[in-house]
């Protein structure tokens, strides 16, 4: 069994924080060419009961992203991290939507 660092196999990107709001926030699409997976970690300061995160995918960076089935995560406790780990996405570009 070979060992490796997580950072050798996946893309790690930090998105800029945003202010409190009531609208959908979509991160910039990540180009997954050459990467095996991506992990999105989001912390909501004061979440509402209908807040969640999900992963969306698309074949082009500027295309119309669609939800990646089975990736919606919601936890309404304040400051709990919401984590989605995607291995080998189906499309080249992925993004997290809050």
Protein backbone atom coordinates (compact mmCIF):
# COMPACT_ATOMS: atom_id res chain seq x y z
CA UNK A 1 0.00 0.00 0.00
CA UNK A 2 1.48 3.32 -1.00
CA UNK A 3 1.01 6.37 1.15
CA UNK A 4 0.40 9.87 -0.10
CA UNK A 5 -0.56 13.28 1.14
CA UNK A 6 -4.14 14.37 0.55
CA UNK A 7 -2.81 17.50 -1.17
CA UNK A 8 -1.09 15.37 -3.82
CA UNK A 9 -4.37 13.86 -4.97
CA UNK A 10 -7.03 16.57 -4.58
CA UNK A 11 -7.47 20.26 -5.25
CA UNK A 12 -7.75 22.49 -2.16
CA UNK A 13 -9.09 26.00 -2.72
CA UNK A 14 -10.23 28.63 -0.25
CA UNK A 15 -13.15 30.80 -1.29
CA UNK A 16 -13.56 34.31 0.06
CA UNK A 17 -16.04 34.70 2.93
CA UNK A 18 -19.25 36.58 2.28
CA UNK A 19 -21.47 38.74 4.46
CA UNK A 20 -24.74 37.60 5.94
CA UNK A 21 -27.38 37.37 3.27
CA UNK A 22 -30.56 35.71 2.20
CA UNK A 23 -29.69 34.88 -1.39
CA UNK A 24 -27.99 31.93 -3.06
CA UNK A 25 -24.21 32.18 -3.24
CA UNK A 26 -22.40 30.27 -5.99
CA UNK A 27 -18.64 29.80 -5.79
CA UNK A 28 -16.42 30.13 -8.83
CA UNK A 29 -16.18 26.90 -10.82
CA UNK A 30 -13.08 24.78 -10.27
CA UNK A 31 -11.37 23.05 -13.19
CA UNK A 32 -10.96 19.43 -12.07
CA UNK A 33 -8.79 18.39 -15.04
CA UNK A 34 -5.91 16.37 -13.59
CA UNK A 35 -7.43 16.12 -10.10
CA UNK A 36 -9.14 13.14 -8.46
CA UNK A 37 -11.42 15.03 -6.11
CA UNK A 38 -12.33 18.13 -4.18
CA UNK A 39 -13.59 18.80 -0.66
CA UNK A 40 -15.85 21.77 0.06
CA UNK A 41 -16.04 22.98 3.68
CA UNK A 42 -18.54 25.72 4.56
CA UNK A 43 -19.31 27.19 7.96
CA UNK A 44 -22.54 29.15 8.38
CA UNK A 45 -22.48 31.67 11.22
CA UNK A 46 -26.24 32.03 11.78
CA UNK A 47 -28.01 29.56 9.50
CA UNK A 48 -31.71 29.53 8.76
CA UNK A 49 -33.62 26.24 8.74
CA UNK A 50 -33.61 26.09 4.93
CA UNK A 51 -29.85 26.74 4.47
CA UNK A 52 -27.80 24.04 2.77
CA UNK A 53 -24.81 23.51 0.54
CA UNK A 54 -24.58 21.46 -2.64
CA UNK A 55 -22.16 20.71 -5.44
CA UNK A 56 -22.95 21.63 -9.01
CA UNK A 57 -21.14 20.55 -12.18
CA UNK A 58 -20.78 21.62 -15.81
CA UNK A 59 -18.69 20.79 -18.88
CA UNK A 60 -17.53 24.40 -19.39
CA UNK A 61 -16.48 27.09 -16.90
CA UNK A 62 -19.17 29.54 -18.02
CA UNK A 63 -21.96 27.05 -18.62
CA UNK A 64 -25.20 26.43 -16.77
CA UNK A 65 -24.31 24.39 -13.70
CA UNK A 66 -26.63 21.60 -12.57
CA UNK A 67 -26.84 19.98 -9.14
CA UNK A 68 -24.74 16.86 -8.66
CA UNK A 69 -27.34 14.40 -7.36
CA UNK A 70 -26.94 13.38 -3.73
CA UNK A 71 -24.72 16.26 -2.63
CA UNK A 72 -27.12 18.46 -0.67
CA UNK A 73 -25.96 18.85 2.94
CA UNK A 74 -27.77 20.85 5.61
CA UNK A 75 -27.10 21.33 9.31
CA UNK A 76 -28.71 24.23 11.04
CA UNK A 77 -26.53 24.46 14.14
CA UNK A 78 -24.54 27.68 14.32
CA UNK A 79 -20.90 27.41 13.23
CA UNK A 80 -21.10 23.69 12.36
CA UNK A 81 -18.95 22.93 9.32
CA UNK A 82 -20.79 21.48 6.32
CA UNK A 83 -18.49 19.21 4.32
CA UNK A 84 -18.90 17.63 0.89
CA UNK A 85 -16.18 15.32 -0.42
CA UNK A 86 -16.40 14.68 -4.18
CA UNK A 87 -14.35 11.91 -5.76
CA UNK A 88 -13.96 11.89 -9.55
CA UNK A 89 -16.76 14.27 -10.52
CA UNK A 90 -18.64 13.45 -13.72
CA UNK A 91 -18.00 16.84 -15.36
CA UNK A 92 -14.77 18.86 -15.63
CA UNK A 93 -16.00 21.92 -13.69
CA UNK A 94 -17.54 21.86 -10.22
CA UNK A 95 -18.61 24.51 -7.75
CA UNK A 96 -20.18 24.74 -4.33
CA UNK A 97 -23.47 26.58 -3.93
CA UNK A 98 -24.73 27.87 -0.56
